[in-house]
PDB file of N, CA and C in Angstrom:
ATOM      1  N   MET A   1       0.825  -1.220  -0.080  1.00  0.00           N
ATOM      2  CA  MET A   1      -0.033  -0.176  -0.145  1.00  0.00           C
ATOM      3  C   MET A   1       0.930   1.312  -0.078  1.00  0.00           C
ATOM      4  N   TYR A   2       0.440   2.262  -0.453  1.00  0.00           N
ATOM      5  CA  TYR A   2       1.019   3.581  -0.628  1.00  0.00           C
ATOM      6  C   TYR A   2       0.418   4.714  -0.647  1.00  0.00           C
ATOM      7  N   ILE A   3       0.665   5.517   0.143  1.00  0.00           N
ATOM      8  CA  ILE A   3      -0.289   6.877   0.471  1.00  0.00           C
ATOM      9  C   ILE A   3       0.727   7.788  -0.056  1.00  0.00           C
ATOM     10  N   SER A   4      -0.062   8.863  -0.879  1.00  0.00           N
ATOM     11  CA  SER A   4       0.504   9.917  -1.545  1.00  0.00           C
ATOM     12  C   SER A   4      -0.349  10.967  -1.770  1.00  0.00           C
ATOM     13  N   ASP A   5       0.192  12.464  -1.868  1.00  0.00           N
ATOM     14  CA  ASP A   5      -0.542  13.438  -2.294  1.00  0.00           C
ATOM     15  C   ASP A   5       0.052  14.056  -3.317  1.00  0.00           C
ATOM     16  N   LEU A   6       0.945  13.569  -4.203  1.00  0.00           N
ATOM     17  CA  LEU A   6       1.820  13.831  -5.139  1.00  0.00           C
ATOM     18  C   LEU A   6       0.980  13.797  -6.464  1.00  0.00           C
ATOM     19  N   ASP A   7       0.462  12.705  -6.694  1.00  0.00           N
ATOM     20  CA  ASP A   7      -0.286  12.500  -8.084  1.00  0.00           C
ATOM     21  C   ASP A   7      -1.585  13.112  -8.257  1.00  0.00           C
ATOM     22  N   TYR A   8      -2.259  13.166  -7.038  1.00  0.00           N
ATOM     23  CA  TYR A   8      -3.534  13.279  -7.099  1.00  0.00           C
ATOM     24  C   TYR A   8      -4.317  14.837  -6.378  1.00  0.00           C
ATOM     25  N   GLY A   9      -3.033  15.488  -5.889  1.00  0.00           N
ATOM     26  CA  GLY A   9      -3.314  16.706  -5.120  1.00  0.00           C
ATOM     27  C   GLY A   9      -4.111  16.609  -3.730  1.00  0.00           C
ATOM     28  N   THR A  10      -4.540  15.317  -3.291  1.00  0.00           N
ATOM     29  CA  THR A  10      -4.918  15.175  -2.008  1.00  0.00           C
ATOM     30  C   THR A  10      -4.452  13.933  -1.380  1.00  0.00           C
ATOM     31  N   ARG A  11      -4.339  14.037  -0.212  1.00  0.00           N
ATOM     32  CA  ARG A  11      -3.890  12.622   0.419  1.00  0.00           C
ATOM     33  C   ARG A  11      -4.944  11.289   0.180  1.00  0.00           C
ATOM     34  N   CYS A  12      -4.126  10.460  -0.551  1.00  0.00           N
ATOM     35  CA  CYS A  12      -4.939   9.212  -1.029  1.00  0.00           C
ATOM     36  C   CYS A  12      -4.152   7.820  -0.552  1.00  0.00           C
ATOM     37  N   ILE A  13      -4.680   6.939  -0.787  1.00  0.00           N
ATOM     38  CA  ILE A  13      -4.000   5.398  -0.761  1.00  0.00           C
ATOM     39  C   ILE A  13      -4.125   5.022  -2.094  1.00  0.00           C
ATOM     40  N   LEU A  14      -3.011   4.415  -2.417  1.00  0.00           N
ATOM     41  CA  LEU A  14      -2.717   3.779  -3.786  1.00  0.00           C
ATOM     42  C   LEU A  14      -2.520   2.398  -3.738  1.00  0.00           C
ATOM     43  N   TYR A  15      -2.947   1.691  -4.866  1.00  0.00           N
ATOM     44  CA  TYR A  15      -2.786   0.390  -4.423  1.00  0.00           C
ATOM     45  C   TYR A  15      -2.726  -0.399  -5.918  1.00  0.00           C
ATOM     46  N   TYR A  16      -1.776  -1.331  -6.171  1.00  0.00           N
ATOM     47  CA  TYR A  16      -1.509  -1.836  -7.563  1.00  0.00           C
ATOM     48  C   TYR A  16      -1.534  -3.219  -7.409  1.00  0.00           C
ATOM     49  N   PRO A  17      -1.906  -4.007  -8.541  1.00  0.00           N
ATOM     50  CA  PRO A  17      -1.979  -5.349  -8.290  1.00  0.00           C
ATOM     51  C   PRO A  17      -0.747  -6.087  -8.424  1.00  0.00           C
ATOM     52  N   GLY A  18       0.460  -5.280  -8.853  1.00  0.00           N
ATOM     53  CA  GLY A  18       1.617  -5.817  -8.630  1.00  0.00           C
ATOM     54  C   GLY A  18       1.980  -6.184  -7.305  1.00  0.00           C
ATOM     55  N   TYR A  19       1.403  -5.501  -6.654  1.00  0.00           N
ATOM     56  CA  TYR A  19       1.928  -5.570  -5.086  1.00  0.00           C
ATOM     57  C   TYR A  19       1.496  -7.043  -4.545  1.00  0.00           C
ATOM     58  N   GLU A  20       0.592  -7.856  -5.115  1.00  0.00           N
ATOM     59  CA  GLU A  20       0.140  -9.098  -4.775  1.00  0.00           C
ATOM     60  C   GLU A  20       1.043 -10.345  -5.542  1.00  0.00           C
ATOM     61  N   ILE A  21       1.873  -9.975  -6.191  1.00  0.00           N
ATOM     62  CA  ILE A  21       2.843 -10.852  -6.791  1.00  0.00           C
ATOM     63  C   ILE A  21       3.728 -11.800  -5.861  1.00  0.00           C
ATOM     64  N   ASN A  22       3.761 -12.947  -5.819  1.00  0.00           N
ATOM     65  CA  ASN A  22       4.219 -13.834  -4.784  1.00  0.00           C
ATOM     66  C   ASN A  22       5.467 -14.819  -5.557  1.00  0.00           C
ATOM     67  N   LEU A  23       6.507 -14.419  -5.721  1.00  0.00           N
ATOM     68  CA  LEU A  23       7.220 -15.650  -6.151  1.00  0.00           C
ATOM     69  C   LEU A  23       8.121 -16.550  -5.360  1.00  0.00           C
ATOM     70  N   GLY A  24       7.715 -16.514  -4.322  1.00  0.00           N
ATOM     71  CA  GLY A  24       8.303 -17.241  -3.133  1.00  0.00           C
ATOM     72  C   GLY A  24       9.727 -16.835  -2.622  1.00  0.00           C
ATOM     73  N   ARG A  25      10.371 -17.756  -1.784  1.00  0.00           N
ATOM     74  CA  ARG A  25      11.612 -17.436  -1.396  1.00  0.00           C
ATOM     75  C   ARG A  25      12.670 -17.614  -2.482  1.00  0.00           C
ATOM     76  N   PRO A  26      13.752 -16.637  -2.273  1.00  0.00           N
ATOM     77  CA  PRO A  26      15.073 -16.845  -3.260  1.00  0.00           C
ATOM     78  C   PRO A  26      15.530 -18.136  -2.895  1.00  0.00           C
ATOM     79  N   GLU A  27      15.926 -18.552  -4.241  1.00  0.00           N
ATOM     80  CA  GLU A  27      16.858 -19.971  -4.345  1.00  0.00           C
ATOM     81  C   GLU A  27      18.090 -19.554  -5.515  1.00  0.00           C
ATOM     82  N   GLY A  28      19.069 -19.122  -4.660  1.00  0.00           N
ATOM     83  CA  GLY A  28      20.248 -18.876  -5.721  1.00  0.00           C
ATOM     84  C   GLY A  28      19.829 -17.504  -6.487  1.00  0.00           C
ATOM     85  N   GLU A  29      20.025 -17.685  -7.804  1.00  0.00           N
ATOM     86  CA  GLU A  29      19.718 -16.318  -8.741  1.00  0.00           C
ATOM     87  C   GLU A  29      18.214 -16.247  -9.037  1.00  0.00           C
ATOM     88  N   TYR A  30      17.297 -17.478  -8.502  1.00  0.00           N
ATOM     89  CA  TYR A  30      16.139 -17.602  -9.063  1.00  0.00           C
ATOM     90  C   TYR A  30      15.098 -17.681  -7.783  1.00  0.00           C
ATOM     91  N   PHE A  31      13.931 -17.399  -7.873  1.00  0.00           N
ATOM     92  CA  PHE A  31      12.879 -17.376  -7.019  1.00  0.00           C
ATOM     93  C   PHE A  31      12.315 -18.744  -6.966  1.00  0.00           C
ATOM     94  N   ARG A  32      11.607 -19.249  -5.949  1.00  0.00           N
ATOM     95  CA  ARG A  32      10.894 -20.729  -5.773  1.00  0.00           C
ATOM     96  C   ARG A  32       9.769 -20.729  -6.818  1.00  0.00           C
ATOM     97  N   LYS A  33       8.889 -19.698  -7.033  1.00  0.00           N
ATOM     98  CA  LYS A  33       7.988 -19.750  -7.797  1.00  0.00           C
ATOM     99  C   LYS A  33       7.938 -19.093  -9.246  1.00  0.00           C
ATOM    100  N   GLY A  34       9.171 -18.391  -9.411  1.00  0.00           N
ATOM    101  CA  GLY A  34       9.293 -17.901 -10.508  1.00  0.00           C
ATOM    102  C   GLY A  34      10.579 -17.140 -10.936  1.00  0.00           C
ATOM    103  N   LEU A  35      10.870 -15.933 -11.870  1.00  0.00           N
ATOM    104  CA  LEU A  35      11.981 -15.458 -11.921  1.00  0.00           C
ATOM    105  C   LEU A  35      11.816 -13.823 -12.574  1.00  0.00           C
ATOM    106  N   VAL A  36      12.462 -13.089 -12.445  1.00  0.00           N
ATOM    107  CA  VAL A  36      12.630 -11.773 -12.833  1.00  0.00           C
ATOM    108  C   VAL A  36      13.655 -11.854 -14.042  1.00  0.00           C
ATOM    109  N   LEU A  37      13.348 -11.309 -15.211  1.00  0.00           N
ATOM    110  CA  LEU A  37      14.484 -11.064 -16.080  1.00  0.00           C
ATOM    111  C   LEU A  37      14.745  -9.711 -16.505  1.00  0.00           C
ATOM    112  N   VAL A  38      15.906  -9.089 -16.449  1.00  0.00           N
ATOM    113  CA  VAL A  38      15.905  -7.832 -16.820  1.00  0.00           C
ATOM    114  C   VAL A  38      17.068  -7.603 -18.190  1.00  0.00           C
ATOM    115  N   ASN A  39      16.609  -6.657 -19.029  1.00  0.00           N
ATOM    116  CA  ASN A  39      17.412  -6.249 -20.020  1.00  0.00           C
ATOM    117  C   ASN A  39      17.975  -4.807 -19.789  1.00  0.00           C
ATOM    118  N   PRO A  40      19.197  -4.742 -19.242  1.00  0.00           N
ATOM    119  CA  PRO A  40      19.639  -3.308 -18.992  1.00  0.00           C
ATOM    120  C   PRO A  40      20.293  -2.577 -20.213  1.00  0.00           C
ATOM    121  N   ASP A  41      20.519  -3.351 -21.248  1.00  0.00           N
ATOM    122  CA  ASP A  41      21.075  -2.789 -22.601  1.00  0.00           C
ATOM    123  C   ASP A  41      20.181  -1.885 -23.123  1.00  0.00           C
ATOM    124  N   GLU A  42      20.686  -0.618 -23.523  1.00  0.00           N
ATOM    125  CA  GLU A  42      19.922   0.483 -24.154  1.00  0.00           C
ATOM    126  C   GLU A  42      19.658   0.184 -25.792  1.00  0.00           C
ATOM    127  N   PHE A  43      20.544  -0.729 -26.309  1.00  0.00           N
ATOM    128  CA  PHE A  43      20.107  -0.924 -27.824  1.00  0.00           C
ATOM    129  C   PHE A  43      19.703  -2.344 -28.408  1.00  0.00           C
ATOM    130  N   ALA A  44      20.565  -3.598 -27.640  1.00  0.00           N
ATOM    131  CA  ALA A  44      20.323  -4.791 -28.226  1.00  0.00           C
ATOM    132  C   ALA A  44      19.283  -5.622 -27.328  1.00  0.00           C
ATOM    133  N   ALA A  45      18.495  -6.278 -28.175  1.00  0.00           N
ATOM    134  CA  ALA A  45      17.611  -7.170 -27.207  1.00  0.00           C
ATOM    135  C   ALA A  45      18.336  -8.262 -26.905  1.00  0.00           C
ATOM    136  N   ARG A  46      18.078  -9.115 -25.710  1.00  0.00           N
ATOM    137  CA  ARG A  46      18.503 -10.455 -25.112  1.00  0.00           C
ATOM    138  C   ARG A  46      17.761 -11.474 -25.272  1.00  0.00           C
ATOM    139  N   ILE A  47      18.270 -12.711 -25.495  1.00  0.00           N
ATOM    140  CA  ILE A  47      17.721 -13.863 -25.626  1.00  0.00           C
ATOM    141  C   ILE A  47      17.742 -14.797 -24.503  1.00  0.00           C
ATOM    142  N   PHE A  48      16.590 -15.082 -23.883  1.00  0.00           N
ATOM    143  CA  PHE A  48      16.862 -16.058 -22.588  1.00  0.00           C
ATOM    144  C   PHE A  48      16.379 -17.431 -22.848  1.00  0.00           C
ATOM    145  N   LEU A  49      16.802 -18.590 -22.787  1.00  0.00           N
ATOM    146  CA  LEU A  49      16.516 -19.538 -22.709  1.00  0.00           C
ATOM    147  C   LEU A  49      15.923 -20.373 -21.527  1.00  0.00           C
ATOM    148  N   LEU A  50      14.706 -20.430 -21.323  1.00  0.00           N
ATOM    149  CA  LEU A  50      13.882 -21.010 -20.053  1.00  0.00           C
ATOM    150  C   LEU A  50      14.320 -22.464 -19.860  1.00  0.00           C
ATOM    151  N   LYS A  51      14.463 -22.814 -18.689  1.00  0.00           N
ATOM    152  CA  LYS A  51      14.379 -24.124 -18.289  1.00  0.00           C
ATOM    153  C   LYS A  51      13.073 -25.075 -18.092  1.00  0.00           C
ATOM    154  N   GLU A  52      12.252 -24.171 -17.957  1.00  0.00           N
ATOM    155  CA  GLU A  52      10.785 -24.753 -17.794  1.00  0.00           C
ATOM    156  C   GLU A  52       9.690 -23.905 -18.471  1.00  0.00           C
ATOM    157  N   ALA A  53       8.522 -24.334 -18.300  1.00  0.00           N
ATOM    158  CA  ALA A  53       7.537 -23.575 -18.919  1.00  0.00           C
ATOM    159  C   ALA A  53       7.222 -22.551 -18.131  1.00  0.00           C
ATOM    160  N   CYS A  54       6.841 -21.133 -18.393  1.00  0.00           N
ATOM    161  CA  CYS A  54       6.680 -20.111 -17.507  1.00  0.00           C
ATOM    162  C   CYS A  54       5.487 -19.279 -18.091  1.00  0.00           C
ATOM    163  N   GLN A  55       5.000 -18.339 -17.199  1.00  0.00           N
ATOM    164  CA  GLN A  55       3.896 -17.450 -17.897  1.00  0.00           C
ATOM    165  C   GLN A  55       4.355 -16.083 -17.366  1.00  0.00           C
ATOM    166  N   LYS A  56       4.299 -15.096 -18.446  1.00  0.00           N
ATOM    167  CA  LYS A  56       4.547 -13.728 -17.979  1.00  0.00           C
ATOM    168  C   LYS A  56       3.188 -12.970 -17.093  1.00  0.00           C
ATOM    169  N   ILE A  57       3.725 -12.246 -15.912  1.00  0.00           N
ATOM    170  CA  ILE A  57       2.835 -11.865 -15.054  1.00  0.00           C
ATOM    171  C   ILE A  57       2.660 -10.285 -15.610  1.00  0.00           C
ATOM    172  N   VAL A  58       1.405  -9.869 -15.909  1.00  0.00           N
ATOM    173  CA  VAL A  58       1.191  -8.586 -16.408  1.00  0.00           C
ATOM    174  C   VAL A  58       0.108  -8.115 -15.433  1.00  0.00           C
ATOM    175  N   PRO A  59       0.560  -7.250 -14.655  1.00  0.00           N
ATOM    176  CA  PRO A  59      -0.297  -6.036 -13.816  1.00  0.00           C
ATOM    177  C   PRO A  59      -1.048  -5.410 -14.413  1.00  0.00           C
ATOM    178  N   LEU A  60      -2.372  -5.090 -14.322  1.00  0.00           N
ATOM    179  CA  LEU A  60      -3.157  -4.309 -15.067  1.00  0.00           C
ATOM    180  C   LEU A  60      -3.711  -3.458 -13.956  1.00  0.00           C
ATOM    181  N   GLY A  61      -4.053  -2.188 -14.327  1.00  0.00           N
ATOM    182  CA  GLY A  61      -5.046  -1.225 -13.500  1.00  0.00           C
ATOM    183  C   GLY A  61      -4.219  -0.799 -12.254  1.00  0.00           C
ATOM    184  N   GLY A  62      -4.912  -0.512 -11.419  1.00  0.00           N
ATOM    185  CA  GLY A  62      -4.540  -0.058 -10.129  1.00  0.00           C
ATOM    186  C   GLY A  62      -4.587   1.429  -9.827  1.00  0.00           C
ATOM    187  N   GLY A  63      -4.134   1.898  -8.773  1.00  0.00           N
ATOM    188  CA  GLY A  63      -4.214   3.346  -8.513  1.00  0.00           C
ATOM    189  C   GLY A  63      -4.797   3.793  -7.343  1.00  0.00           C
ATOM    190  N   LYS A  64      -5.734   4.895  -7.211  1.00  0.00           N
ATOM    191  CA  LYS A  64      -6.225   5.314  -6.316  1.00  0.00           C
ATOM    192  C   LYS A  64      -7.344   4.452  -5.364  1.00  0.00           C
ATOM    193  N   VAL A  65      -7.134   3.781  -4.364  1.00  0.00           N
ATOM    194  CA  VAL A  65      -8.290   3.227  -3.672  1.00  0.00           C
ATOM    195  C   VAL A  65      -9.735   4.175  -3.480  1.00  0.00           C
ATOM    196  N   LYS A  66     -10.878   3.484  -3.602  1.00  0.00           N
ATOM    197  CA  LYS A  66     -11.919   4.187  -3.552  1.00  0.00           C
ATOM    198  C   LYS A  66     -12.208   4.265  -2.148  1.00  0.00           C
ATOM    199  N   GLU A  67     -13.446   5.207  -1.727  1.00  0.00           N
ATOM    200  CA  GLU A  67     -13.476   5.417  -0.418  1.00  0.00           C
ATOM    201  C   GLU A  67     -14.081   4.267   0.312  1.00  0.00           C
ATOM    202  N   GLY A  68     -14.698   3.305  -0.430  1.00  0.00           N
ATOM    203  CA  GLY A  68     -15.331   2.006   0.380  1.00  0.00           C
ATOM    204  C   GLY A  68     -14.198   1.072   0.514  1.00  0.00           C
ATOM    205  N   GLY A  69     -12.981   1.358   0.014  1.00  0.00           N
ATOM    206  CA  GLY A  69     -11.815   0.483   0.192  1.00  0.00           C
ATOM    207  C   GLY A  69     -11.471  -0.359  -0.906  1.00  0.00           C
ATOM    208  N   SER A  70     -12.380  -0.191  -2.039  1.00  0.00           N
ATOM    209  CA  SER A  70     -12.055  -1.302  -3.321  1.00  0.00           C
ATOM    210  C   SER A  70     -11.053  -0.369  -4.403  1.00  0.00           C
ATOM    211  N   TRP A  71     -10.605  -1.277  -5.318  1.00  0.00           N
ATOM    212  CA  TRP A  71      -9.621  -0.773  -6.243  1.00  0.00           C
ATOM    213  C   TRP A  71      -9.934  -1.514  -7.465  1.00  0.00           C
ATOM    214  N   GLU A  72      -9.610  -0.725  -8.459  1.00  0.00           N
ATOM    215  CA  GLU A  72      -9.482  -1.505  -9.813  1.00  0.00           C
ATOM    216  C   GLU A  72      -8.410  -2.058 -10.344  1.00  0.00           C
ATOM    217  N   GLY A  73      -8.342  -3.242 -10.592  1.00  0.00           N
ATOM    218  CA  GLY A  73      -7.019  -3.951 -11.376  1.00  0.00           C
ATOM    219  C   GLY A  73      -7.044  -5.311 -11.177  1.00  0.00           C
ATOM    220  N   LYS A  74      -6.073  -6.008 -11.899  1.00  0.00           N
ATOM    221  CA  LYS A  74      -6.029  -7.617 -11.719  1.00  0.00           C
ATOM    222  C   LYS A  74      -4.751  -7.972 -12.422  1.00  0.00           C
ATOM    223  N   ILE A  75      -4.216  -9.447 -12.308  1.00  0.00           N
ATOM    224  CA  ILE A  75      -3.048  -9.776 -12.794  1.00  0.00           C
ATOM    225  C   ILE A  75      -3.471 -10.724 -13.898  1.00  0.00           C
ATOM    226  N   VAL A  76      -2.929 -10.591 -15.111  1.00  0.00           N
ATOM    227  CA  VAL A  76      -3.082 -11.512 -16.222  1.00  0.00           C
ATOM    228  C   VAL A  76      -1.740 -12.322 -16.427  1.00  0.00           C
ATOM    229  N   TYR A  77      -2.217 -13.610 -16.717  1.00  0.00           N
ATOM    230  CA  TYR A  77      -0.836 -14.547 -16.831  1.00  0.00           C
ATOM    231  C   TYR A  77      -0.926 -14.766 -18.481  1.00  0.00           C
ATOM    232  N   ARG A  78       0.205 -14.474 -19.216  1.00  0.00           N
ATOM    233  CA  ARG A  78       0.497 -14.691 -20.727  1.00  0.00           C
ATOM    234  C   ARG A  78       1.383 -15.836 -20.886  1.00  0.00           C
ATOM    235  N   LYS A  79       1.148 -16.983 -21.444  1.00  0.00           N
ATOM    236  CA  LYS A  79       2.372 -17.921 -21.692  1.00  0.00           C
ATOM    237  C   LYS A  79       3.180 -17.334 -22.607  1.00  0.00           C
ATOM    238  N   VAL A  80       4.509 -17.917 -22.177  1.00  0.00           N
ATOM    239  CA  VAL A  80       5.787 -17.502 -23.032  1.00  0.00           C
ATOM    240  C   VAL A  80       6.578 -18.585 -23.683  1.00  0.00           C
ATOM    241  N   ASN A  81       7.129 -18.261 -24.642  1.00  0.00           N
ATOM    242  CA  ASN A  81       7.880 -19.411 -25.258  1.00  0.00           C
ATOM    243  C   ASN A  81       9.072 -19.719 -24.390  1.00  0.00           C
ATOM    244  N   ARG A  82       9.694 -20.937 -24.402  1.00  0.00           N
ATOM    245  CA  ARG A  82      11.086 -21.035 -23.587  1.00  0.00           C
ATOM    246  C   ARG A  82      12.193 -20.211 -24.292  1.00  0.00           C
ATOM    247  N   ARG A  83      12.024 -19.857 -25.585  1.00  0.00           N
ATOM    248  CA  ARG A  83      13.040 -18.849 -26.151  1.00  0.00           C
ATOM    249  C   ARG A  83      12.371 -17.515 -25.715  1.00  0.00           C
ATOM    250  N   LEU A  84      12.927 -16.706 -25.013  1.00  0.00           N
ATOM    251  CA  LEU A  84      12.360 -15.342 -24.746  1.00  0.00           C
ATOM    252  C   LEU A  84      13.148 -14.367 -25.099  1.00  0.00           C
ATOM    253  N   VAL A  85      12.847 -13.580 -26.094  1.00  0.00           N
ATOM    254  CA  VAL A  85      13.460 -12.272 -26.518  1.00  0.00           C
ATOM    255  C   VAL A  85      13.013 -11.099 -25.592  1.00  0.00           C
ATOM    256  N   LEU A  86      13.859 -10.342 -24.828  1.00  0.00           N
ATOM    257  CA  LEU A  86      13.501  -9.398 -24.175  1.00  0.00           C
ATOM    258  C   LEU A  86      14.038  -8.183 -24.637  1.00  0.00           C
ATOM    259  N   PRO A  87      13.059  -7.243 -25.085  1.00  0.00           N
ATOM    260  CA  PRO A  87      13.711  -5.733 -25.737  1.00  0.00           C
ATOM    261  C   PRO A  87      14.503  -5.202 -25.031  1.00  0.00           C
ATOM    262  N   PRO A  88      15.475  -4.097 -25.718  1.00  0.00           N
ATOM    263  CA  PRO A  88      16.143  -3.265 -24.970  1.00  0.00           C
ATOM    264  C   PRO A  88      15.558  -2.508 -23.799  1.00  0.00           C
ATOM    265  N   LEU A  89      16.203  -2.150 -22.727  1.00  0.00           N
ATOM    266  CA  LEU A  89      15.523  -1.464 -21.239  1.00  0.00           C
ATOM    267  C   LEU A  89      14.115  -2.061 -20.871  1.00  0.00           C
ATOM    268  N   ASN A  90      14.130  -3.232 -20.762  1.00  0.00           N
ATOM    269  CA  ASN A  90      12.696  -3.977 -20.437  1.00  0.00           C
ATOM    270  C   ASN A  90      13.160  -5.081 -19.453  1.00  0.00           C
ATOM    271  N   GLY A  91      11.730  -5.601 -18.913  1.00  0.00           N
ATOM    272  CA  GLY A  91      12.016  -6.685 -17.753  1.00  0.00           C
ATOM    273  C   GLY A  91      10.665  -7.301 -17.832  1.00  0.00           C
ATOM    274  N   PHE A  92      10.957  -8.679 -17.547  1.00  0.00           N
ATOM    275  CA  PHE A  92       9.571  -9.524 -17.362  1.00  0.00           C
ATOM    276  C   PHE A  92       9.722  -9.979 -16.040  1.00  0.00           C
ATOM    277  N   VAL A  93       8.348 -10.163 -15.492  1.00  0.00           N
ATOM    278  CA  VAL A  93       8.433 -11.052 -14.335  1.00  0.00           C
ATOM    279  C   VAL A  93       7.720 -12.258 -14.675  1.00  0.00           C
ATOM    280  N   LEU A  94       8.205 -13.427 -14.289  1.00  0.00           N
ATOM    281  CA  LEU A  94       7.625 -14.768 -14.807  1.00  0.00           C
ATOM    282  C   LEU A  94       7.349 -15.714 -13.579  1.00  0.00           C
ATOM    283  N   ARG A  95       6.124 -16.522 -13.627  1.00  0.00           N
ATOM    284  CA  ARG A  95       6.119 -17.530 -12.770  1.00  0.00           C
ATOM    285  C   ARG A  95       5.988 -18.882 -13.495  1.00  0.00           C
ATOM    286  N   LYS A  96       6.583 -19.862 -12.500  1.00  0.00           N
ATOM    287  CA  LYS A  96       6.644 -21.148 -13.471  1.00  0.00           C
ATOM    288  C   LYS A  96       5.171 -21.648 -13.242  1.00  0.00           C
ATOM    289  N   GLU A  97       4.962 -22.435 -14.541  1.00  0.00           N
ATOM    290  CA  GLU A  97       3.761 -23.073 -14.682  1.00  0.00           C
ATOM    291  C   GLU A  97       3.466 -24.544 -13.800  1.00  0.00           C
ATOM    292  N   SER A  98       4.623 -25.058 -13.454  1.00  0.00           N
ATOM    293  CA  SER A  98       4.600 -26.064 -12.683  1.00  0.00           C
ATOM    294  C   SER A  98       3.842 -26.088 -11.437  1.00  0.00           C
ATOM    295  N   LEU A  99       3.735 -25.037 -10.651  1.00  0.00           N
ATOM    296  CA  LEU A  99       3.349 -24.765  -9.560  1.00  0.00           C
ATOM    297  C   LEU A  99       1.516 -24.581  -9.449  1.00  0.00           C
TER     298      LEU A  99
END
């Protein structure tokens, strides 16, 4: 949860569906339930070869929490190929399909 008066001009509570992503405990360079891929290169795409089937986590919506405590947003899961091309200056959060 995040409280702000910068974006909306009044003090409010902000909530985003990405806050609910649970990748589990870290296990070496990965997480138990998923992984985070980042391409910091400004110009070149980077290719990742995944060891197992994964889904890309795509948080949608979020923002100001309504007076009754509800908020709009959800998480969508999209299947990705095991050969994943990550564009420059981009990142993906993936969850393992086997869970």
